[in-house]
């Protein structure tokens, strides 16, 4: 697949279009779980029962793992495509819609001091299960955690046409780790 084709596919789901990115990886910060808990409480207050689950995902959810200093959260929403049912409430407190694709919305808040990526999926969506399996494997396996940290630092050395290309570059190692966790697509 060509870069132009990839850019076209991304542009179709990115609300603000492609954004060049330079990734910064920092050592684990023990304050990350508290930042998640604060945001989770905020989300429970905003969404109430509409939030079927709220989980800390991504590298900041793994003690000891170097990461981009961005808290990643997944929220289980019955129908993420029904934006009027939840999106205005999130936007009212500063969340900005960044990705709109079928069955998934990604929003951002807290820039620049305490950035948060909020992923909205159905609670039983395969991507939710994959995020949790990956997080749990990294929490349980020091060797996989170390492999992932090395990979992220290597991949972060270059500049990207968009952060999604950085995420894609980590895909083979993520697949290996998920396989060791027993994940099957």
N, C-alpha and C. Protein backbone atom coordinates (compact mmCIF):
# COMPACT_ATOMS: atom_id res chain seq x y z
N UNK A 1 0.86 -1.18 0.00
CA UNK A 1 0.00 0.00 0.00
C UNK A 1 0.90 1.24 0.00
N UNK A 2 0.56 2.24 -0.75
CA UNK A 2 1.39 3.44 -0.87
C UNK A 2 1.15 4.39 0.31
N UNK A 3 2.13 5.25 0.54
CA UNK A 3 2.00 6.25 1.59
C UNK A 3 0.82 7.17 1.31
N UNK A 4 0.62 7.53 0.05
CA UNK A 4 -0.51 8.40 -0.31
C UNK A 4 -1.83 7.71 0.02
N UNK A 5 -1.92 6.40 -0.25
CA UNK A 5 -3.14 5.64 0.07
C UNK A 5 -3.35 5.62 1.59
N UNK A 6 -2.27 5.37 2.36
CA UNK A 6 -2.38 5.37 3.81
C UNK A 6 -2.83 6.74 4.33
N UNK A 7 -2.22 7.81 3.77
CA UNK A 7 -2.61 9.16 4.16
C UNK A 7 -4.08 9.41 3.87
N UNK A 8 -4.56 8.93 2.74
CA UNK A 8 -5.96 9.11 2.36
C UNK A 8 -6.88 8.39 3.34
N UNK A 9 -6.53 7.15 3.69
CA UNK A 9 -7.34 6.40 4.65
C UNK A 9 -7.38 7.10 6.01
N UNK A 10 -6.23 7.56 6.48
CA UNK A 10 -6.19 8.27 7.76
C UNK A 10 -6.98 9.57 7.70
N UNK A 11 -6.81 10.31 6.63
CA UNK A 11 -7.51 11.59 6.49
C UNK A 11 -9.03 11.42 6.56
N UNK A 12 -9.51 10.26 6.16
CA UNK A 12 -10.95 9.99 6.18
C UNK A 12 -11.50 9.87 7.60
N UNK A 13 -10.66 9.51 8.57
CA UNK A 13 -11.14 9.32 9.95
C UNK A 13 -10.62 10.37 10.92
N UNK A 14 -9.54 11.07 10.56
CA UNK A 14 -8.98 12.09 11.45
C UNK A 14 -9.75 13.39 11.30
N UNK A 15 -10.36 13.84 12.36
CA UNK A 15 -11.20 15.03 12.33
C UNK A 15 -10.40 16.27 11.93
N UNK A 16 -9.16 16.39 12.41
CA UNK A 16 -8.33 17.56 12.11
C UNK A 16 -7.24 17.26 11.08
N UNK A 17 -7.34 16.12 10.41
CA UNK A 17 -6.36 15.76 9.39
C UNK A 17 -5.05 15.26 9.98
N UNK A 18 -4.13 14.93 9.09
CA UNK A 18 -2.81 14.45 9.50
C UNK A 18 -2.07 15.55 10.24
N UNK A 19 -1.34 15.15 11.28
CA UNK A 19 -0.54 16.10 12.05
C UNK A 19 0.85 15.51 12.23
N UNK A 20 1.88 16.13 11.64
CA UNK A 20 3.24 15.62 11.83
C UNK A 20 3.55 15.49 13.32
N UNK A 21 4.32 14.44 13.67
CA UNK A 21 4.56 14.16 15.08
C UNK A 21 6.00 13.74 15.32
N UNK A 22 6.54 14.23 16.40
CA UNK A 22 7.80 13.76 16.96
C UNK A 22 7.44 13.20 18.33
N UNK A 23 7.73 11.94 18.56
CA UNK A 23 7.32 11.25 19.78
C UNK A 23 8.41 11.40 20.84
N UNK A 24 7.98 11.72 22.05
CA UNK A 24 8.88 11.79 23.20
C UNK A 24 8.51 10.67 24.16
N UNK A 25 9.49 9.83 24.46
CA UNK A 25 9.30 8.74 25.42
C UNK A 25 10.03 9.15 26.70
N UNK A 26 9.35 9.04 27.83
CA UNK A 26 9.94 9.38 29.12
C UNK A 26 9.88 8.16 30.05
N UNK A 27 10.71 8.19 31.08
CA UNK A 27 10.68 7.12 32.06
C UNK A 27 9.33 7.10 32.77
N UNK A 28 8.98 5.94 33.31
CA UNK A 28 7.72 5.78 34.03
C UNK A 28 7.58 6.85 35.12
N UNK A 29 6.37 7.39 35.23
CA UNK A 29 6.05 8.38 36.26
C UNK A 29 5.02 7.77 37.20
N UNK A 30 5.37 7.60 38.48
CA UNK A 30 4.41 7.00 39.41
C UNK A 30 3.15 7.84 39.63
N UNK A 31 3.10 9.05 39.09
CA UNK A 31 1.90 9.88 39.19
C UNK A 31 0.85 9.49 38.14
N UNK A 32 1.23 8.71 37.12
CA UNK A 32 0.29 8.37 36.06
C UNK A 32 -0.97 7.67 36.56
N UNK A 33 -0.89 6.68 37.44
CA UNK A 33 -2.14 6.05 37.91
C UNK A 33 -3.08 7.05 38.60
N UNK A 34 -2.54 7.99 39.35
CA UNK A 34 -3.39 8.99 40.00
C UNK A 34 -4.03 9.91 38.97
N UNK A 35 -3.30 10.26 37.91
CA UNK A 35 -3.88 11.07 36.83
C UNK A 35 -5.03 10.31 36.18
N UNK A 36 -4.84 9.00 35.96
CA UNK A 36 -5.93 8.20 35.41
C UNK A 36 -7.13 8.20 36.36
N UNK A 37 -6.90 7.95 37.63
CA UNK A 37 -8.02 7.87 38.60
C UNK A 37 -8.80 9.18 38.63
N UNK A 38 -8.10 10.31 38.56
CA UNK A 38 -8.79 11.60 38.56
C UNK A 38 -9.67 11.71 37.32
N UNK A 39 -9.12 11.36 36.15
CA UNK A 39 -9.90 11.42 34.91
C UNK A 39 -11.05 10.42 34.92
N UNK A 40 -10.81 9.23 35.47
CA UNK A 40 -11.88 8.22 35.54
C UNK A 40 -13.04 8.72 36.38
N UNK A 41 -12.73 9.35 37.51
CA UNK A 41 -13.79 9.89 38.36
C UNK A 41 -14.55 10.99 37.61
N UNK A 42 -13.82 11.83 36.89
CA UNK A 42 -14.45 12.87 36.10
C UNK A 42 -15.38 12.26 35.05
N UNK A 43 -14.90 11.22 34.37
CA UNK A 43 -15.72 10.57 33.34
C UNK A 43 -16.96 9.92 33.94
N UNK A 44 -16.82 9.29 35.11
CA UNK A 44 -18.00 8.69 35.77
C UNK A 44 -19.02 9.78 36.10
N UNK A 45 -18.54 10.94 36.55
CA UNK A 45 -19.45 12.05 36.88
C UNK A 45 -20.14 12.60 35.63
N UNK A 46 -19.40 12.68 34.54
CA UNK A 46 -19.96 13.23 33.29
C UNK A 46 -20.92 12.26 32.63
N UNK A 47 -20.50 11.00 32.53
CA UNK A 47 -21.24 10.02 31.73
C UNK A 47 -22.18 9.15 32.54
N UNK A 48 -21.96 9.02 33.82
CA UNK A 48 -22.82 8.16 34.64
C UNK A 48 -22.87 6.75 34.09
N UNK A 49 -24.08 6.20 34.01
CA UNK A 49 -24.25 4.82 33.56
C UNK A 49 -23.96 4.63 32.08
N UNK A 50 -23.82 5.69 31.33
CA UNK A 50 -23.45 5.55 29.92
C UNK A 50 -22.05 4.97 29.77
N UNK A 51 -21.21 5.16 30.78
CA UNK A 51 -19.85 4.59 30.77
C UNK A 51 -19.93 3.19 31.37
N UNK A 52 -19.97 2.18 30.50
CA UNK A 52 -20.10 0.79 30.94
C UNK A 52 -18.80 0.24 31.52
N UNK A 53 -17.69 0.81 31.10
CA UNK A 53 -16.39 0.48 31.68
C UNK A 53 -15.47 1.65 31.45
N UNK A 54 -14.51 1.80 32.33
CA UNK A 54 -13.47 2.83 32.21
C UNK A 54 -12.18 2.15 32.62
N UNK A 55 -11.25 2.04 31.67
CA UNK A 55 -9.98 1.34 31.94
C UNK A 55 -8.79 2.19 31.51
N UNK A 56 -7.75 2.12 32.29
CA UNK A 56 -6.46 2.73 31.96
C UNK A 56 -5.74 1.76 31.03
N UNK A 57 -5.40 2.22 29.83
CA UNK A 57 -4.72 1.38 28.85
C UNK A 57 -3.43 2.07 28.41
N UNK A 58 -2.71 1.43 27.52
CA UNK A 58 -1.49 2.03 27.01
C UNK A 58 -0.35 1.91 28.00
N UNK A 59 0.77 2.44 27.61
CA UNK A 59 2.00 2.27 28.39
C UNK A 59 1.96 2.94 29.75
N UNK A 60 1.23 4.04 29.91
CA UNK A 60 1.17 4.69 31.22
C UNK A 60 0.41 3.83 32.23
N UNK A 61 -0.26 2.78 31.77
CA UNK A 61 -1.00 1.86 32.64
C UNK A 61 -0.13 0.70 33.12
N UNK A 62 1.14 0.70 32.73
CA UNK A 62 2.04 -0.42 33.05
C UNK A 62 3.16 0.09 33.95
N UNK A 63 3.13 -0.24 35.24
CA UNK A 63 4.18 0.22 36.15
C UNK A 63 5.58 -0.13 35.63
N UNK A 64 6.44 0.88 35.66
CA UNK A 64 7.82 0.68 35.25
C UNK A 64 8.11 0.87 33.78
N UNK A 65 7.08 1.04 32.95
CA UNK A 65 7.27 1.11 31.50
C UNK A 65 7.43 2.57 31.05
N UNK A 66 8.48 2.83 30.29
CA UNK A 66 8.65 4.15 29.67
C UNK A 66 7.49 4.37 28.69
N UNK A 67 7.12 5.64 28.52
CA UNK A 67 5.93 5.92 27.71
C UNK A 67 5.93 7.36 27.22
N UNK A 68 5.07 7.61 26.23
CA UNK A 68 4.68 8.99 25.94
C UNK A 68 3.88 9.43 27.18
N UNK A 69 4.10 10.64 27.68
CA UNK A 69 3.40 11.06 28.90
C UNK A 69 1.94 11.47 28.63
N UNK A 70 1.20 10.55 28.04
CA UNK A 70 -0.21 10.77 27.69
C UNK A 70 -1.01 9.63 28.29
N UNK A 71 -1.99 9.96 29.10
CA UNK A 71 -2.83 8.93 29.71
C UNK A 71 -3.84 8.46 28.67
N UNK A 72 -3.83 7.15 28.40
CA UNK A 72 -4.80 6.56 27.47
C UNK A 72 -5.89 5.87 28.28
N UNK A 73 -7.12 6.17 27.92
CA UNK A 73 -8.28 5.63 28.62
C UNK A 73 -9.24 5.07 27.58
N UNK A 74 -9.82 3.92 27.90
CA UNK A 74 -10.90 3.40 27.07
C UNK A 74 -12.18 3.44 27.89
N UNK A 75 -13.24 3.93 27.26
CA UNK A 75 -14.56 3.99 27.88
C UNK A 75 -15.50 3.15 27.03
N UNK A 76 -16.23 2.27 27.70
CA UNK A 76 -17.23 1.46 27.02
C UNK A 76 -18.54 2.22 26.94
N UNK A 77 -18.96 2.54 25.71
CA UNK A 77 -20.20 3.26 25.42
C UNK A 77 -21.08 2.30 24.61
N UNK A 78 -22.35 2.21 24.93
CA UNK A 78 -23.21 1.27 24.21
C UNK A 78 -23.15 1.42 22.70
N UNK A 79 -23.17 2.67 22.22
CA UNK A 79 -23.12 2.90 20.77
C UNK A 79 -22.28 4.14 20.49
N UNK A 80 -20.97 3.97 20.30
CA UNK A 80 -20.11 5.12 20.03
C UNK A 80 -20.53 5.93 18.80
N UNK A 81 -21.23 5.30 17.86
CA UNK A 81 -21.68 6.02 16.67
C UNK A 81 -22.83 6.98 16.97
N UNK A 82 -23.49 6.82 18.11
CA UNK A 82 -24.57 7.71 18.52
C UNK A 82 -23.98 8.89 19.30
N UNK A 83 -23.29 9.75 18.58
CA UNK A 83 -22.57 10.86 19.21
C UNK A 83 -23.44 11.76 20.08
N UNK A 84 -24.68 12.08 19.67
CA UNK A 84 -25.48 12.96 20.52
C UNK A 84 -25.74 12.40 21.92
N UNK A 85 -25.58 11.09 22.09
CA UNK A 85 -25.86 10.46 23.39
C UNK A 85 -24.76 10.72 24.42
N UNK A 86 -23.57 11.17 24.00
CA UNK A 86 -22.49 11.35 24.97
C UNK A 86 -21.48 12.44 24.58
N UNK A 87 -21.27 12.65 23.29
CA UNK A 87 -20.21 13.55 22.84
C UNK A 87 -20.38 15.00 23.33
N UNK A 88 -21.58 15.59 23.27
CA UNK A 88 -21.71 16.98 23.75
C UNK A 88 -21.29 17.14 25.21
N UNK A 89 -21.55 16.13 26.04
CA UNK A 89 -21.17 16.21 27.45
C UNK A 89 -19.65 16.19 27.61
N UNK A 90 -18.97 15.41 26.79
CA UNK A 90 -17.51 15.37 26.86
C UNK A 90 -16.90 16.66 26.30
N UNK A 91 -17.45 17.14 25.21
CA UNK A 91 -16.95 18.39 24.62
C UNK A 91 -17.15 19.58 25.56
N UNK A 92 -18.22 19.55 26.33
CA UNK A 92 -18.52 20.65 27.26
C UNK A 92 -17.46 20.81 28.34
N UNK A 93 -16.71 19.74 28.63
CA UNK A 93 -15.65 19.82 29.65
C UNK A 93 -14.26 19.80 29.02
N UNK A 94 -14.20 20.03 27.70
CA UNK A 94 -12.90 20.21 27.08
C UNK A 94 -12.36 19.10 26.23
N UNK A 95 -13.09 18.00 26.08
CA UNK A 95 -12.63 16.93 25.20
C UNK A 95 -12.86 17.35 23.75
N UNK A 96 -11.87 17.11 22.91
CA UNK A 96 -11.90 17.49 21.49
C UNK A 96 -11.89 16.21 20.65
N UNK A 97 -12.88 16.05 19.81
CA UNK A 97 -12.96 14.87 18.94
C UNK A 97 -11.81 14.89 17.94
N UNK A 98 -11.05 13.79 17.90
CA UNK A 98 -9.90 13.69 16.99
C UNK A 98 -10.08 12.61 15.93
N UNK A 99 -10.76 11.50 16.29
CA UNK A 99 -10.93 10.39 15.35
C UNK A 99 -12.40 9.98 15.34
N UNK A 100 -12.94 9.83 14.14
CA UNK A 100 -14.30 9.36 13.97
C UNK A 100 -14.26 8.22 12.95
N UNK A 101 -14.43 7.01 13.46
CA UNK A 101 -14.51 5.85 12.59
C UNK A 101 -15.60 4.94 13.12
N UNK A 102 -16.13 4.06 12.31
CA UNK A 102 -17.22 3.20 12.77
C UNK A 102 -16.87 2.48 14.07
N UNK A 103 -17.75 2.60 15.04
CA UNK A 103 -17.65 1.94 16.34
C UNK A 103 -16.51 2.46 17.21
N UNK A 104 -15.90 3.58 16.87
CA UNK A 104 -14.79 4.12 17.65
C UNK A 104 -14.73 5.64 17.50
N UNK A 105 -14.55 6.30 18.63
CA UNK A 105 -14.25 7.72 18.65
C UNK A 105 -13.05 7.90 19.56
N UNK A 106 -12.16 8.80 19.17
CA UNK A 106 -11.04 9.15 20.03
C UNK A 106 -11.08 10.65 20.27
N UNK A 107 -10.96 11.03 21.52
CA UNK A 107 -10.98 12.43 21.91
C UNK A 107 -9.70 12.75 22.67
N UNK A 108 -9.39 14.04 22.75
CA UNK A 108 -8.18 14.47 23.45
C UNK A 108 -8.54 15.61 24.38
N UNK A 109 -7.89 15.65 25.53
CA UNK A 109 -8.04 16.76 26.46
C UNK A 109 -6.74 16.90 27.25
N UNK A 110 -6.66 17.95 28.02
CA UNK A 110 -5.54 18.13 28.93
C UNK A 110 -4.26 18.67 28.32
N UNK A 111 -4.28 19.03 27.05
CA UNK A 111 -3.06 19.57 26.43
C UNK A 111 -2.77 20.94 27.02
N UNK A 112 -1.52 21.32 27.17
CA UNK A 112 -0.33 20.50 26.98
C UNK A 112 0.17 19.85 28.27
N UNK A 113 -0.37 20.24 29.42
CA UNK A 113 0.24 19.82 30.68
C UNK A 113 -0.08 18.38 31.10
N UNK A 114 -1.29 17.92 30.87
CA UNK A 114 -1.67 16.57 31.28
C UNK A 114 -2.53 15.94 30.20
N UNK A 115 -1.95 15.63 29.04
CA UNK A 115 -2.75 15.13 27.92
C UNK A 115 -3.37 13.76 28.19
N UNK A 116 -4.58 13.61 27.65
CA UNK A 116 -5.34 12.38 27.77
C UNK A 116 -5.91 12.04 26.39
N UNK A 117 -5.77 10.78 26.00
CA UNK A 117 -6.48 10.24 24.84
C UNK A 117 -7.61 9.38 25.38
N UNK A 118 -8.82 9.66 24.94
CA UNK A 118 -10.00 8.93 25.38
C UNK A 118 -10.57 8.17 24.19
N UNK A 119 -10.55 6.85 24.28
CA UNK A 119 -11.08 5.99 23.23
C UNK A 119 -12.46 5.49 23.65
N UNK A 120 -13.45 5.69 22.80
CA UNK A 120 -14.81 5.25 23.07
C UNK A 120 -15.17 4.11 22.12
N UNK A 121 -15.47 2.96 22.70
CA UNK A 121 -15.87 1.76 21.97
C UNK A 121 -17.05 1.13 22.71
N UNK A 122 -17.71 0.18 22.06
CA UNK A 122 -18.64 -0.68 22.80
C UNK A 122 -17.82 -1.43 23.85
N UNK A 123 -18.38 -1.73 25.02
CA UNK A 123 -17.60 -2.39 26.05
C UNK A 123 -17.04 -3.75 25.63
N UNK A 124 -17.73 -4.45 24.74
CA UNK A 124 -17.30 -5.79 24.32
C UNK A 124 -16.54 -5.78 23.00
N UNK A 125 -16.16 -4.62 22.51
CA UNK A 125 -15.47 -4.52 21.22
C UNK A 125 -14.13 -5.26 21.28
N UNK A 126 -13.75 -5.88 20.18
CA UNK A 126 -12.50 -6.63 20.12
C UNK A 126 -11.30 -5.76 20.45
N UNK A 127 -11.31 -4.49 20.06
CA UNK A 127 -10.18 -3.62 20.36
C UNK A 127 -10.05 -3.37 21.86
N UNK A 128 -11.15 -3.31 22.58
CA UNK A 128 -11.10 -3.16 24.04
C UNK A 128 -10.43 -4.39 24.63
N UNK A 129 -10.86 -5.56 24.22
CA UNK A 129 -10.27 -6.80 24.73
C UNK A 129 -8.79 -6.88 24.40
N UNK A 130 -8.42 -6.44 23.19
CA UNK A 130 -7.01 -6.45 22.77
C UNK A 130 -6.18 -5.49 23.63
N UNK A 131 -6.68 -4.27 23.83
CA UNK A 131 -5.97 -3.30 24.70
C UNK A 131 -5.71 -3.90 26.08
N UNK A 132 -6.74 -4.51 26.65
CA UNK A 132 -6.61 -5.05 28.01
C UNK A 132 -5.67 -6.25 28.06
N UNK A 133 -5.73 -7.10 27.05
CA UNK A 133 -4.83 -8.26 27.01
C UNK A 133 -3.38 -7.79 26.89
N UNK A 134 -3.14 -6.79 26.07
CA UNK A 134 -1.79 -6.27 25.88
C UNK A 134 -1.29 -5.62 27.17
N UNK A 135 -2.10 -4.78 27.77
CA UNK A 135 -1.73 -4.13 29.03
C UNK A 135 -1.40 -5.17 30.10
N UNK A 136 -2.27 -6.16 30.23
CA UNK A 136 -2.08 -7.17 31.28
C UNK A 136 -0.83 -8.01 31.03
N UNK A 137 -0.53 -8.31 29.77
CA UNK A 137 0.70 -9.05 29.45
C UNK A 137 1.93 -8.23 29.83
N UNK A 138 1.93 -6.94 29.50
CA UNK A 138 3.07 -6.10 29.84
C UNK A 138 3.23 -5.96 31.35
N UNK A 139 2.14 -5.93 32.06
CA UNK A 139 2.21 -5.87 33.53
C UNK A 139 2.81 -7.15 34.11
N UNK A 140 2.55 -8.27 33.44
CA UNK A 140 2.96 -9.58 33.97
C UNK A 140 4.34 -10.05 33.50
N UNK A 141 4.84 -9.52 32.40
CA UNK A 141 6.07 -10.05 31.80
C UNK A 141 7.14 -8.96 31.69
N UNK A 142 8.16 -9.08 32.50
CA UNK A 142 9.25 -8.10 32.46
C UNK A 142 9.97 -8.13 31.12
N UNK A 143 10.15 -9.33 30.56
CA UNK A 143 10.87 -9.40 29.28
C UNK A 143 10.06 -8.75 28.15
N UNK A 144 8.75 -8.94 28.12
CA UNK A 144 7.93 -8.28 27.10
C UNK A 144 7.87 -6.78 27.34
N UNK A 145 7.82 -6.38 28.59
CA UNK A 145 7.82 -4.95 28.93
C UNK A 145 9.12 -4.30 28.44
N UNK A 146 10.25 -4.98 28.68
CA UNK A 146 11.55 -4.45 28.23
C UNK A 146 11.63 -4.40 26.71
N UNK A 147 11.16 -5.45 26.04
CA UNK A 147 11.16 -5.47 24.58
C UNK A 147 10.34 -4.32 24.02
N UNK A 148 9.19 -4.10 24.60
CA UNK A 148 8.32 -3.03 24.12
C UNK A 148 8.95 -1.65 24.36
N UNK A 149 9.58 -1.47 25.51
CA UNK A 149 10.23 -0.19 25.81
C UNK A 149 11.35 0.09 24.80
N UNK A 150 12.17 -0.91 24.50
CA UNK A 150 13.26 -0.74 23.54
C UNK A 150 12.68 -0.40 22.16
N UNK A 151 11.65 -1.10 21.77
CA UNK A 151 11.01 -0.86 20.47
C UNK A 151 10.48 0.56 20.38
N UNK A 152 9.78 1.00 21.42
CA UNK A 152 9.22 2.35 21.40
C UNK A 152 10.31 3.41 21.30
N UNK A 153 11.37 3.23 22.04
CA UNK A 153 12.46 4.22 22.00
C UNK A 153 13.11 4.25 20.60
N UNK A 154 13.26 3.08 19.99
CA UNK A 154 13.84 3.03 18.64
C UNK A 154 12.93 3.71 17.62
N UNK A 155 11.67 3.40 17.67
CA UNK A 155 10.71 3.93 16.70
C UNK A 155 10.51 5.44 16.90
N UNK A 156 10.66 5.89 18.14
CA UNK A 156 10.47 7.32 18.44
C UNK A 156 11.61 8.19 17.90
N UNK A 157 12.66 7.58 17.39
CA UNK A 157 13.80 8.35 16.89
C UNK A 157 13.49 9.16 15.63
N UNK A 158 12.46 8.77 14.92
CA UNK A 158 12.16 9.49 13.68
C UNK A 158 10.93 10.37 13.81
N UNK A 159 10.78 11.24 12.85
CA UNK A 159 9.57 12.06 12.80
C UNK A 159 8.55 11.35 11.92
N UNK A 160 7.28 11.53 12.25
CA UNK A 160 6.20 10.80 11.58
C UNK A 160 5.24 11.78 10.92
N UNK A 161 4.67 11.36 9.78
CA UNK A 161 3.65 12.19 9.11
C UNK A 161 2.42 12.36 9.99
N UNK A 162 2.21 11.38 10.88
CA UNK A 162 1.11 11.42 11.84
C UNK A 162 1.43 10.40 12.92
N UNK A 163 0.94 10.62 14.13
CA UNK A 163 1.20 9.71 15.25
C UNK A 163 0.71 8.29 14.96
N UNK A 164 -0.27 8.15 14.10
CA UNK A 164 -0.78 6.83 13.77
C UNK A 164 0.27 5.97 13.06
N UNK A 165 1.20 6.60 12.34
CA UNK A 165 2.27 5.84 11.70
C UNK A 165 3.27 5.32 12.74
N UNK A 166 3.50 6.09 13.78
CA UNK A 166 4.33 5.63 14.90
C UNK A 166 3.68 4.39 15.52
N UNK A 167 2.38 4.46 15.77
CA UNK A 167 1.66 3.33 16.36
C UNK A 167 1.75 2.10 15.45
N UNK A 168 1.60 2.32 14.16
CA UNK A 168 1.67 1.22 13.19
C UNK A 168 3.06 0.57 13.17
N UNK A 169 4.10 1.37 13.33
CA UNK A 169 5.46 0.85 13.30
C UNK A 169 5.74 -0.10 14.46
N UNK A 170 5.01 0.04 15.55
CA UNK A 170 5.16 -0.85 16.70
C UNK A 170 4.36 -2.14 16.53
N UNK A 171 3.53 -2.20 15.50
CA UNK A 171 2.60 -3.31 15.30
C UNK A 171 3.20 -4.71 15.36
N UNK A 172 4.32 -4.98 14.66
CA UNK A 172 4.88 -6.33 14.71
C UNK A 172 5.25 -6.78 16.13
N UNK A 173 5.84 -5.89 16.92
CA UNK A 173 6.22 -6.27 18.28
C UNK A 173 4.97 -6.43 19.15
N UNK A 174 3.99 -5.56 18.96
CA UNK A 174 2.74 -5.72 19.70
C UNK A 174 2.11 -7.07 19.37
N UNK A 175 2.13 -7.45 18.09
CA UNK A 175 1.59 -8.75 17.69
C UNK A 175 2.32 -9.91 18.35
N UNK A 176 3.64 -9.84 18.42
CA UNK A 176 4.42 -10.89 19.10
C UNK A 176 4.03 -11.00 20.57
N UNK A 177 3.94 -9.85 21.23
CA UNK A 177 3.61 -9.85 22.66
C UNK A 177 2.19 -10.38 22.89
N UNK A 178 1.26 -9.95 22.07
CA UNK A 178 -0.11 -10.45 22.19
C UNK A 178 -0.17 -11.96 21.95
N UNK A 179 0.62 -12.44 21.01
CA UNK A 179 0.66 -13.87 20.76
C UNK A 179 1.12 -14.64 22.00
N UNK A 180 2.14 -14.12 22.67
CA UNK A 180 2.61 -14.77 23.90
C UNK A 180 1.58 -14.68 25.01
N UNK A 181 0.69 -13.70 24.92
CA UNK A 181 -0.39 -13.56 25.89
C UNK A 181 -1.57 -14.49 25.58
N UNK A 182 -1.46 -15.22 24.45
CA UNK A 182 -2.52 -16.13 24.05
C UNK A 182 -3.58 -15.51 23.17
N UNK A 183 -3.34 -14.29 22.72
CA UNK A 183 -4.31 -13.58 21.87
C UNK A 183 -4.33 -14.18 20.49
N UNK A 184 -5.52 -14.37 19.96
CA UNK A 184 -5.71 -14.83 18.58
C UNK A 184 -6.71 -13.91 17.91
N UNK A 185 -6.30 -13.32 16.77
CA UNK A 185 -7.23 -12.45 16.03
C UNK A 185 -8.25 -13.28 15.28
